[in-house]
Amino acid sequence: MQDLLRLIEIEGVDINPCGGTHLSCTSELQVLKIVGLEKSRGQARLRFMVGGRVLAALGSALKREVALNKVDLLHLMTVLAGLLSCLPLDLASKQIRP
C-alpha cells in the first residue's frame, strides 16, 4: 500500500503538507493565537495555537497577572504605611494632607 501525502498550496505564497486536522468551518477553532514567526533561508515558519490551548494559556497568564498585582499592591501598602507611620490595615482611616 502506498501512502499519499496531501499538499496544501496558497498560490504564490507557500505549499505545505496537510496537518491532518479537518474542520467543517473555521468557527470550530474558537480562537487562534499566533505565538511566533521564524524566518530561515528565505522561508517563514508560523507558530500558532487554537481553541482550548489558547484559552488555557490565557487563563494561566491572567492568574499570573492577578498574583503579581496582589504582590505589587501589598508592597505599595507596606511602603505607604511606613511613610505614614501606621500599619497597612490602618491606611484607609489615615487622612493625608498636602
PDB file of N, CA and C in Angstrom:
ATOM      1  N   MET A   1       0.843  -1.175   0.000  1.00  0.00           N
ATOM      2  CA  MET A   1       0.000   0.000   0.000  1.00  0.00           C
ATOM      3  C   MET A   1       0.890   1.241   0.000  1.00  0.00           C
ATOM      4  N   GLN A   2       0.512   2.187  -0.785  1.00  0.00           N
ATOM      5  CA  GLN A   2       1.298   3.407  -0.904  1.00  0.00           C
ATOM      6  C   GLN A   2       0.527   4.551  -0.245  1.00  0.00           C
ATOM      7  N   ASP A   3       1.163   5.227   0.724  1.00  0.00           N
ATOM      8  CA  ASP A   3       0.519   6.355   1.392  1.00  0.00           C
ATOM      9  C   ASP A   3       0.646   7.603   0.532  1.00  0.00           C
ATOM     10  N   LEU A   4      -0.422   8.391   0.501  1.00  0.00           N
ATOM     11  CA  LEU A   4      -0.408   9.640  -0.236  1.00  0.00           C
ATOM     12  C   LEU A   4      -0.190  10.793   0.725  1.00  0.00           C
ATOM     13  N   LEU A   5       0.523  11.778   0.289  1.00  0.00           N
ATOM     14  CA  LEU A   5       0.759  12.975   1.076  1.00  0.00           C
ATOM     15  C   LEU A   5      -0.006  14.112   0.418  1.00  0.00           C
ATOM     16  N   ARG A   6      -0.955  14.666   1.150  1.00  0.00           N
ATOM     17  CA  ARG A   6      -1.756  15.768   0.617  1.00  0.00           C
ATOM     18  C   ARG A   6      -1.002  17.072   0.836  1.00  0.00           C
ATOM     19  N   LEU A   7      -0.836  17.843  -0.231  1.00  0.00           N
ATOM     20  CA  LEU A   7      -0.159  19.134  -0.151  1.00  0.00           C
ATOM     21  C   LEU A   7      -1.185  20.258  -0.265  1.00  0.00           C
ATOM     22  N   ILE A   8      -1.027  21.263   0.565  1.00  0.00           N
ATOM     23  CA  ILE A   8      -1.895  22.429   0.557  1.00  0.00           C
ATOM     24  C   ILE A   8      -1.084  23.590  -0.002  1.00  0.00           C
ATOM     25  N   GLU A   9      -1.615  24.228  -1.032  1.00  0.00           N
ATOM     26  CA  GLU A   9      -0.898  25.333  -1.664  1.00  0.00           C
ATOM     27  C   GLU A   9      -1.717  26.608  -1.599  1.00  0.00           C
ATOM     28  N   ILE A  10      -1.059  27.658  -1.142  1.00  0.00           N
ATOM     29  CA  ILE A  10      -1.605  29.005  -1.245  1.00  0.00           C
ATOM     30  C   ILE A  10      -0.817  29.620  -2.392  1.00  0.00           C
ATOM     31  N   GLU A  11      -1.472  29.717  -3.517  1.00  0.00           N
ATOM     32  CA  GLU A  11      -0.786  30.067  -4.761  1.00  0.00           C
ATOM     33  C   GLU A  11       0.040  31.339  -4.627  1.00  0.00           C
ATOM     34  N   GLY A  12       1.302  31.220  -4.989  1.00  0.00           N
ATOM     35  CA  GLY A  12       2.211  32.346  -4.946  1.00  0.00           C
ATOM     36  C   GLY A  12       2.763  32.644  -3.565  1.00  0.00           C
ATOM     37  N   VAL A  13       2.322  31.877  -2.562  1.00  0.00           N
ATOM     38  CA  VAL A  13       2.770  32.143  -1.188  1.00  0.00           C
ATOM     39  C   VAL A  13       3.549  30.966  -0.626  1.00  0.00           C
ATOM     40  N   ASP A  14       2.914  29.773  -0.585  1.00  0.00           N
ATOM     41  CA  ASP A  14       3.559  28.648   0.074  1.00  0.00           C
ATOM     42  C   ASP A  14       2.855  27.351  -0.300  1.00  0.00           C
ATOM     43  N   ILE A  15       3.548  26.244  -0.058  1.00  0.00           N
ATOM     44  CA  ILE A  15       2.980  24.910  -0.215  1.00  0.00           C
ATOM     45  C   ILE A  15       3.471  24.074   0.968  1.00  0.00           C
ATOM     46  N   ASN A  16       2.550  23.376   1.626  1.00  0.00           N
ATOM     47  CA  ASN A  16       2.877  22.609   2.825  1.00  0.00           C
ATOM     48  C   ASN A  16       2.113  21.293   2.837  1.00  0.00           C
ATOM     49  N   PRO A  17       2.650  20.298   3.573  1.00  0.00           N
ATOM     50  CA  PRO A  17       1.884  19.064   3.750  1.00  0.00           C
ATOM     51  C   PRO A  17       0.672  19.324   4.648  1.00  0.00           C
ATOM     52  N   CYS A  18      -0.380  18.594   4.418  1.00  0.00           N
ATOM     53  CA  CYS A  18      -1.600  18.733   5.214  1.00  0.00           C
ATOM     54  C   CYS A  18      -1.309  18.369   6.667  1.00  0.00           C
ATOM     55  N   GLY A  19      -1.849  19.155   7.605  1.00  0.00           N
ATOM     56  CA  GLY A  19      -1.636  18.905   9.031  1.00  0.00           C
ATOM     57  C   GLY A  19      -2.534  17.820   9.592  1.00  0.00           C
ATOM     58  N   GLY A  20      -3.557  17.418   8.828  1.00  0.00           N
ATOM     59  CA  GLY A  20      -4.399  16.310   9.265  1.00  0.00           C
ATOM     60  C   GLY A  20      -5.625  16.691  10.057  1.00  0.00           C
ATOM     61  N   THR A  21      -5.755  17.931  10.495  1.00  0.00           N
ATOM     62  CA  THR A  21      -6.936  18.364  11.232  1.00  0.00           C
ATOM     63  C   THR A  21      -7.907  18.998  10.252  1.00  0.00           C
ATOM     64  N   HIS A  22      -9.109  18.456  10.186  1.00  0.00           N
ATOM     65  CA  HIS A  22     -10.092  18.948   9.226  1.00  0.00           C
ATOM     66  C   HIS A  22     -11.314  19.478   9.968  1.00  0.00           C
ATOM     67  N   LEU A  23     -11.767  20.642   9.596  1.00  0.00           N
ATOM     68  CA  LEU A  23     -12.897  21.288  10.232  1.00  0.00           C
ATOM     69  C   LEU A  23     -14.024  21.481   9.229  1.00  0.00           C
ATOM     70  N   SER A  24     -15.243  21.506   9.741  1.00  0.00           N
ATOM     71  CA  SER A  24     -16.378  21.814   8.869  1.00  0.00           C
ATOM     72  C   SER A  24     -16.389  23.295   8.534  1.00  0.00           C
ATOM     73  N   CYS A  25     -16.037  24.107   9.538  1.00  0.00           N
ATOM     74  CA  CYS A  25     -15.952  25.553   9.322  1.00  0.00           C
ATOM     75  C   CYS A  25     -14.948  26.134  10.322  1.00  0.00           C
ATOM     76  N   THR A  26     -14.425  27.300  10.023  1.00  0.00           N
ATOM     77  CA  THR A  26     -13.368  27.883  10.859  1.00  0.00           C
ATOM     78  C   THR A  26     -13.840  28.234  12.259  1.00  0.00           C
ATOM     79  N   SER A  27     -15.154  28.390  12.474  1.00  0.00           N
ATOM     80  CA  SER A  27     -15.644  28.713  13.816  1.00  0.00           C
ATOM     81  C   SER A  27     -15.375  27.583  14.805  1.00  0.00           C
ATOM     82  N   GLU A  28     -15.119  26.388  14.318  1.00  0.00           N
ATOM     83  CA  GLU A  28     -14.784  25.269  15.207  1.00  0.00           C
ATOM     84  C   GLU A  28     -13.455  25.492  15.924  1.00  0.00           C
ATOM     85  N   LEU A  29     -12.634  26.379  15.396  1.00  0.00           N
ATOM     86  CA  LEU A  29     -11.353  26.698  16.040  1.00  0.00           C
ATOM     87  C   LEU A  29     -11.551  27.477  17.333  1.00  0.00           C
ATOM     88  N   GLN A  30     -12.627  28.206  17.478  1.00  0.00           N
ATOM     89  CA  GLN A  30     -12.940  29.106  18.580  1.00  0.00           C
ATOM     90  C   GLN A  30     -12.065  30.345  18.542  1.00  0.00           C
ATOM     91  N   VAL A  31     -10.771  30.136  18.695  1.00  0.00           N
ATOM     92  CA  VAL A  31      -9.834  31.259  18.753  1.00  0.00           C
ATOM     93  C   VAL A  31      -8.491  30.798  18.197  1.00  0.00           C
ATOM     94  N   LEU A  32      -7.757  31.714  17.598  1.00  0.00           N
ATOM     95  CA  LEU A  32      -6.445  31.408  17.051  1.00  0.00           C
ATOM     96  C   LEU A  32      -5.464  32.455  17.567  1.00  0.00           C
ATOM     97  N   LYS A  33      -4.316  32.005  18.077  1.00  0.00           N
ATOM     98  CA  LYS A  33      -3.296  32.906  18.607  1.00  0.00           C
ATOM     99  C   LYS A  33      -1.977  32.605  17.917  1.00  0.00           C
ATOM    100  N   ILE A  34      -1.421  33.605  17.243  1.00  0.00           N
ATOM    101  CA  ILE A  34      -0.105  33.459  16.636  1.00  0.00           C
ATOM    102  C   ILE A  34       0.928  33.644  17.740  1.00  0.00           C
ATOM    103  N   VAL A  35       1.789  32.650  17.928  1.00  0.00           N
ATOM    104  CA  VAL A  35       2.755  32.696  19.031  1.00  0.00           C
ATOM    105  C   VAL A  35       4.193  32.869  18.562  1.00  0.00           C
ATOM    106  N   GLY A  36       4.406  32.850  17.256  1.00  0.00           N
ATOM    107  CA  GLY A  36       5.774  33.057  16.798  1.00  0.00           C
ATOM    108  C   GLY A  36       5.896  33.018  15.295  1.00  0.00           C
ATOM    109  N   LEU A  37       6.976  33.609  14.841  1.00  0.00           N
ATOM    110  CA  LEU A  37       7.323  33.602  13.423  1.00  0.00           C
ATOM    111  C   LEU A  37       8.829  33.438  13.336  1.00  0.00           C
ATOM    112  N   GLU A  38       9.267  32.405  12.650  1.00  0.00           N
ATOM    113  CA  GLU A  38      10.693  32.152  12.476  1.00  0.00           C
ATOM    114  C   GLU A  38      11.033  32.291  11.000  1.00  0.00           C
ATOM    115  N   LYS A  39      12.029  33.080  10.713  1.00  0.00           N
ATOM    116  CA  LYS A  39      12.475  33.230   9.328  1.00  0.00           C
ATOM    117  C   LYS A  39      13.808  32.515   9.169  1.00  0.00           C
ATOM    118  N   SER A  40      13.898  31.746   8.097  1.00  0.00           N
ATOM    119  CA  SER A  40      15.122  30.986   7.855  1.00  0.00           C
ATOM    120  C   SER A  40      15.256  30.696   6.369  1.00  0.00           C
ATOM    121  N   ARG A  41      16.392  31.023   5.805  1.00  0.00           N
ATOM    122  CA  ARG A  41      16.699  30.730   4.401  1.00  0.00           C
ATOM    123  C   ARG A  41      15.589  31.155   3.444  1.00  0.00           C
ATOM    124  N   GLY A  42      15.077  32.355   3.651  1.00  0.00           N
ATOM    125  CA  GLY A  42      14.050  32.870   2.760  1.00  0.00           C
ATOM    126  C   GLY A  42      12.660  32.298   2.995  1.00  0.00           C
ATOM    127  N   GLN A  43      12.519  31.448   3.991  1.00  0.00           N
ATOM    128  CA  GLN A  43      11.231  30.839   4.325  1.00  0.00           C
ATOM    129  C   GLN A  43      10.764  31.389   5.673  1.00  0.00           C
ATOM    130  N   ALA A  44       9.499  31.202   5.959  1.00  0.00           N
ATOM    131  CA  ALA A  44       8.962  31.619   7.249  1.00  0.00           C
ATOM    132  C   ALA A  44       8.149  30.473   7.842  1.00  0.00           C
ATOM    133  N   ARG A  45       8.295  30.263   9.128  1.00  0.00           N
ATOM    134  CA  ARG A  45       7.507  29.257   9.838  1.00  0.00           C
ATOM    135  C   ARG A  45       6.655  29.985  10.873  1.00  0.00           C
ATOM    136  N   LEU A  46       5.365  29.849  10.723  1.00  0.00           N
ATOM    137  CA  LEU A  46       4.404  30.485  11.618  1.00  0.00           C
ATOM    138  C   LEU A  46       4.003  29.484  12.683  1.00  0.00           C
ATOM    139  N   ARG A  47       4.116  29.870  13.945  1.00  0.00           N
ATOM    140  CA  ARG A  47       3.693  29.003  15.043  1.00  0.00           C
ATOM    141  C   ARG A  47       2.420  29.577  15.634  1.00  0.00           C
ATOM    142  N   PHE A  48       1.445  28.703  15.912  1.00  0.00           N
ATOM    143  CA  PHE A  48       0.170  29.179  16.427  1.00  0.00           C
ATOM    144  C   PHE A  48      -0.477  28.135  17.336  1.00  0.00           C
ATOM    145  N   MET A  49      -1.459  28.593  18.114  1.00  0.00           N
ATOM    146  CA  MET A  49      -2.275  27.721  18.956  1.00  0.00           C
ATOM    147  C   MET A  49      -3.727  28.020  18.609  1.00  0.00           C
ATOM    148  N   VAL A  50      -4.597  27.047  18.854  1.00  0.00           N
ATOM    149  CA  VAL A  50      -6.025  27.259  18.615  1.00  0.00           C
ATOM    150  C   VAL A  50      -6.850  26.655  19.741  1.00  0.00           C
ATOM    151  N   GLY A  51      -8.097  27.122  19.835  1.00  0.00           N
ATOM    152  CA  GLY A  51      -9.082  26.522  20.730  1.00  0.00           C
ATOM    153  C   GLY A  51      -8.708  26.515  22.194  1.00  0.00           C
ATOM    154  N   GLY A  52      -8.898  25.348  22.808  1.00  0.00           N
ATOM    155  CA  GLY A  52      -8.686  25.191  24.244  1.00  0.00           C
ATOM    156  C   GLY A  52      -7.275  25.502  24.707  1.00  0.00           C
ATOM    157  N   ARG A  53      -6.287  25.280  23.856  1.00  0.00           N
ATOM    158  CA  ARG A  53      -4.903  25.592  24.248  1.00  0.00           C
ATOM    159  C   ARG A  53      -4.721  27.096  24.434  1.00  0.00           C
ATOM    160  N   VAL A  54      -5.351  27.880  23.573  1.00  0.00           N
ATOM    161  CA  VAL A  54      -5.277  29.339  23.713  1.00  0.00           C
ATOM    162  C   VAL A  54      -5.983  29.764  24.997  1.00  0.00           C
ATOM    163  N   LEU A  55      -7.165  29.214  25.225  1.00  0.00           N
ATOM    164  CA  LEU A  55      -7.933  29.579  26.415  1.00  0.00           C
ATOM    165  C   LEU A  55      -7.192  29.192  27.702  1.00  0.00           C
ATOM    166  N   ALA A  56      -6.551  28.033  27.704  1.00  0.00           N
ATOM    167  CA  ALA A  56      -5.769  27.605  28.873  1.00  0.00           C
ATOM    168  C   ALA A  56      -4.580  28.530  29.102  1.00  0.00           C
ATOM    169  N   ALA A  57      -3.874  28.897  28.031  1.00  0.00           N
ATOM    170  CA  ALA A  57      -2.721  29.799  28.150  1.00  0.00           C
ATOM    171  C   ALA A  57      -3.159  31.166  28.646  1.00  0.00           C
ATOM    172  N   LEU A  58      -4.287  31.650  28.154  1.00  0.00           N
ATOM    173  CA  LEU A  58      -4.808  32.937  28.607  1.00  0.00           C
ATOM    174  C   LEU A  58      -5.189  32.879  30.078  1.00  0.00           C
ATOM    175  N   GLY A  59      -5.824  31.787  30.492  1.00  0.00           N
ATOM    176  CA  GLY A  59      -6.177  31.620  31.901  1.00  0.00           C
ATOM    177  C   GLY A  59      -4.952  31.638  32.799  1.00  0.00           C
ATOM    178  N   SER A  60      -3.895  30.959  32.386  1.00  0.00           N
ATOM    179  CA  SER A  60      -2.650  30.943  33.169  1.00  0.00           C
ATOM    180  C   SER A  60      -2.031  32.337  33.242  1.00  0.00           C
ATOM    181  N   ALA A  61      -2.040  33.056  32.124  1.00  0.00           N
ATOM    182  CA  ALA A  61      -1.476  34.409  32.099  1.00  0.00           C
ATOM    183  C   ALA A  61      -2.265  35.338  33.022  1.00  0.00           C
ATOM    184  N   LEU A  62      -3.580  35.211  33.022  1.00  0.00           N
ATOM    185  CA  LEU A  62      -4.407  36.053  33.890  1.00  0.00           C
ATOM    186  C   LEU A  62      -4.156  35.749  35.371  1.00  0.00           C
ATOM    187  N   LYS A  63      -3.997  34.468  35.699  1.00  0.00           N
ATOM    188  CA  LYS A  63      -3.695  34.091  37.089  1.00  0.00           C
ATOM    189  C   LYS A  63      -2.368  34.690  37.538  1.00  0.00           C
ATOM    190  N   ARG A  64      -1.345  34.638  36.652  1.00  0.00           N
ATOM    191  CA  ARG A  64      -0.042  35.231  36.988  1.00  0.00           C
ATOM    192  C   ARG A  64      -0.169  36.740  37.179  1.00  0.00           C
ATOM    193  N   GLU A  65      -0.942  37.391  36.308  1.00  0.00           N
ATOM    194  CA  GLU A  65      -1.108  38.841  36.407  1.00  0.00           C
ATOM    195  C   GLU A  65      -1.792  39.224  37.709  1.00  0.00           C
ATOM    196  N   VAL A  66      -2.836  38.489  38.087  1.00  0.00           N
ATOM    197  CA  VAL A  66      -3.535  38.764  39.344  1.00  0.00           C
ATOM    198  C   VAL A  66      -2.580  38.588  40.524  1.00  0.00           C
ATOM    199  N   ALA A  67      -1.784  37.516  40.504  1.00  0.00           N
ATOM    200  CA  ALA A  67      -0.828  37.269  41.592  1.00  0.00           C
ATOM    201  C   ALA A  67       0.208  38.385  41.664  1.00  0.00           C
ATOM    202  N   LEU A  68       0.713  38.830  40.515  1.00  0.00           N
ATOM    203  CA  LEU A  68       1.698  39.911  40.507  1.00  0.00           C
ATOM    204  C   LEU A  68       1.090  41.216  40.996  1.00  0.00           C
ATOM    205  N   ASN A  69      -0.142  41.493  40.602  1.00  0.00           N
ATOM    206  CA  ASN A  69      -0.800  42.721  41.055  1.00  0.00           C
ATOM    207  C   ASN A  69      -1.011  42.708  42.555  1.00  0.00           C
ATOM    208  N   LYS A  70      -1.334  41.541  43.123  1.00  0.00           N
ATOM    209  CA  LYS A  70      -1.505  41.437  44.574  1.00  0.00           C
ATOM    210  C   LYS A  70      -0.186  41.732  45.278  1.00  0.00           C
ATOM    211  N   VAL A  71       0.900  41.189  44.757  1.00  0.00           N
ATOM    212  CA  VAL A  71       2.221  41.423  45.346  1.00  0.00           C
ATOM    213  C   VAL A  71       2.566  42.904  45.262  1.00  0.00           C
ATOM    214  N   ASP A  72       2.311  43.537  44.103  1.00  0.00           N
ATOM    215  CA  ASP A  72       2.598  44.962  43.931  1.00  0.00           C
ATOM    216  C   ASP A  72       1.766  45.807  44.883  1.00  0.00           C
ATOM    217  N   LEU A  73       0.483  45.476  45.038  1.00  0.00           N
ATOM    218  CA  LEU A  73      -0.393  46.237  45.923  1.00  0.00           C
ATOM    219  C   LEU A  73       0.056  46.085  47.375  1.00  0.00           C
ATOM    220  N   LEU A  74       0.403  44.887  47.781  1.00  0.00           N
ATOM    221  CA  LEU A  74       0.877  44.655  49.145  1.00  0.00           C
ATOM    222  C   LEU A  74       2.154  45.453  49.404  1.00  0.00           C
ATOM    223  N   HIS A  75       3.070  45.456  48.434  1.00  0.00           N
ATOM    224  CA  HIS A  75       4.314  46.213  48.578  1.00  0.00           C
ATOM    225  C   HIS A  75       4.014  47.709  48.694  1.00  0.00           C
ATOM    226  N   LEU A  76       3.121  48.206  47.845  1.00  0.00           N
ATOM    227  CA  LEU A  76       2.752  49.620  47.877  1.00  0.00           C
ATOM    228  C   LEU A  76       2.138  49.993  49.219  1.00  0.00           C
ATOM    229  N   MET A  77       1.238  49.155  49.722  1.00  0.00           N
ATOM    230  CA  MET A  77       0.610  49.433  51.019  1.00  0.00           C
ATOM    231  C   MET A  77       1.630  49.434  52.150  1.00  0.00           C
ATOM    232  N   THR A  78       2.592  48.523  52.089  1.00  0.00           N
ATOM    233  CA  THR A  78       3.629  48.452  53.120  1.00  0.00           C
ATOM    234  C   THR A  78       4.496  49.712  53.089  1.00  0.00           C
ATOM    235  N   VAL A  79       4.867  50.157  51.902  1.00  0.00           N
ATOM    236  CA  VAL A  79       5.684  51.370  51.769  1.00  0.00           C
ATOM    237  C   VAL A  79       4.906  52.586  52.263  1.00  0.00           C
ATOM    238  N   LEU A  80       3.647  52.717  51.837  1.00  0.00           N
ATOM    239  CA  LEU A  80       2.825  53.855  52.287  1.00  0.00           C
ATOM    240  C   LEU A  80       2.648  53.849  53.801  1.00  0.00           C
ATOM    241  N   ALA A  81       2.383  52.686  54.364  1.00  0.00           N
ATOM    242  CA  ALA A  81       2.215  52.586  55.810  1.00  0.00           C
ATOM    243  C   ALA A  81       3.490  53.018  56.522  1.00  0.00           C
ATOM    244  N   GLY A  82       4.642  52.654  55.993  1.00  0.00           N
ATOM    245  CA  GLY A  82       5.910  53.075  56.587  1.00  0.00           C
ATOM    246  C   GLY A  82       6.080  54.585  56.534  1.00  0.00           C
ATOM    247  N   LEU A  83       5.711  55.187  55.405  1.00  0.00           N
ATOM    248  CA  LEU A  83       5.818  56.640  55.259  1.00  0.00           C
ATOM    249  C   LEU A  83       4.858  57.381  56.184  1.00  0.00           C
ATOM    250  N   LEU A  84       3.700  56.762  56.433  1.00  0.00           N
ATOM    251  CA  LEU A  84       2.690  57.407  57.269  1.00  0.00           C
ATOM    252  C   LEU A  84       2.735  56.929  58.718  1.00  0.00           C
ATOM    253  N   SER A  85       3.716  56.106  59.027  1.00  0.00           N
ATOM    254  CA  SER A  85       3.902  55.574  60.383  1.00  0.00           C
ATOM    255  C   SER A  85       2.641  54.910  60.923  1.00  0.00           C
ATOM    256  N   CYS A  86       2.099  53.994  60.134  1.00  0.00           N
ATOM    257  CA  CYS A  86       0.924  53.240  60.579  1.00  0.00           C
ATOM    258  C   CYS A  86       1.021  51.825  60.023  1.00  0.00           C
ATOM    259  N   LEU A  87       0.071  51.013  60.395  1.00  0.00           N
ATOM    260  CA  LEU A  87       0.002  49.659  59.859  1.00  0.00           C
ATOM    261  C   LEU A  87      -0.718  49.692  58.505  1.00  0.00           C
ATOM    262  N   PRO A  88      -0.403  48.771  57.597  1.00  0.00           N
ATOM    263  CA  PRO A  88      -1.088  48.746  56.302  1.00  0.00           C
ATOM    264  C   PRO A  88      -2.609  48.698  56.421  1.00  0.00           C
ATOM    265  N   LEU A  89      -3.115  47.996  57.453  1.00  0.00           N
ATOM    266  CA  LEU A  89      -4.566  47.913  57.640  1.00  0.00           C
ATOM    267  C   LEU A  89      -5.182  49.247  58.050  1.00  0.00           C
ATOM    268  N   ASP A  90      -4.378  50.167  58.580  1.00  0.00           N
ATOM    269  CA  ASP A  90      -4.883  51.470  59.026  1.00  0.00           C
ATOM    270  C   ASP A  90      -4.843  52.537  57.930  1.00  0.00           C
ATOM    271  N   LEU A  91      -4.375  52.191  56.741  1.00  0.00           N
ATOM    272  CA  LEU A  91      -4.242  53.185  55.684  1.00  0.00           C
ATOM    273  C   LEU A  91      -5.584  53.826  55.297  1.00  0.00           C
ATOM    274  N   ALA A  92      -6.649  53.038  55.283  1.00  0.00           N
ATOM    275  CA  ALA A  92      -7.956  53.562  54.874  1.00  0.00           C
ATOM    276  C   ALA A  92      -8.451  54.657  55.797  1.00  0.00           C
ATOM    277  N   SER A  93      -8.063  54.620  57.064  1.00  0.00           N
ATOM    278  CA  SER A  93      -8.531  55.624  58.020  1.00  0.00           C
ATOM    279  C   SER A  93      -7.595  56.836  58.125  1.00  0.00           C
ATOM    280  N   LYS A  94      -6.452  56.768  57.467  1.00  0.00           N
ATOM    281  CA  LYS A  94      -5.482  57.866  57.535  1.00  0.00           C
ATOM    282  C   LYS A  94      -5.946  59.020  56.643  1.00  0.00           C
ATOM    283  N   GLN A  95      -5.771  60.218  57.150  1.00  0.00           N
ATOM    284  CA  GLN A  95      -6.031  61.416  56.353  1.00  0.00           C
ATOM    285  C   GLN A  95      -4.700  61.984  55.894  1.00  0.00           C
ATOM    286  N   ILE A  96      -4.579  62.152  54.580  1.00  0.00           N
ATOM    287  CA  ILE A  96      -3.314  62.645  54.034  1.00  0.00           C
ATOM    288  C   ILE A  96      -3.519  64.098  53.652  1.00  0.00           C
ATOM    289  N   ARG A  97      -2.692  64.966  54.256  1.00  0.00           N
ATOM    290  CA  ARG A  97      -2.778  66.397  53.961  1.00  0.00           C
ATOM    291  C   ARG A  97      -1.591  66.805  53.101  1.00  0.00           C
ATOM    292  N   PRO A  98      -1.846  67.659  52.096  1.00  0.00           N
ATOM    293  CA  PRO A  98      -0.735  68.114  51.239  1.00  0.00           C
ATOM    294  C   PRO A  98       0.258  68.975  51.994  1.00  0.00           C
TER     295      PRO A  98
END
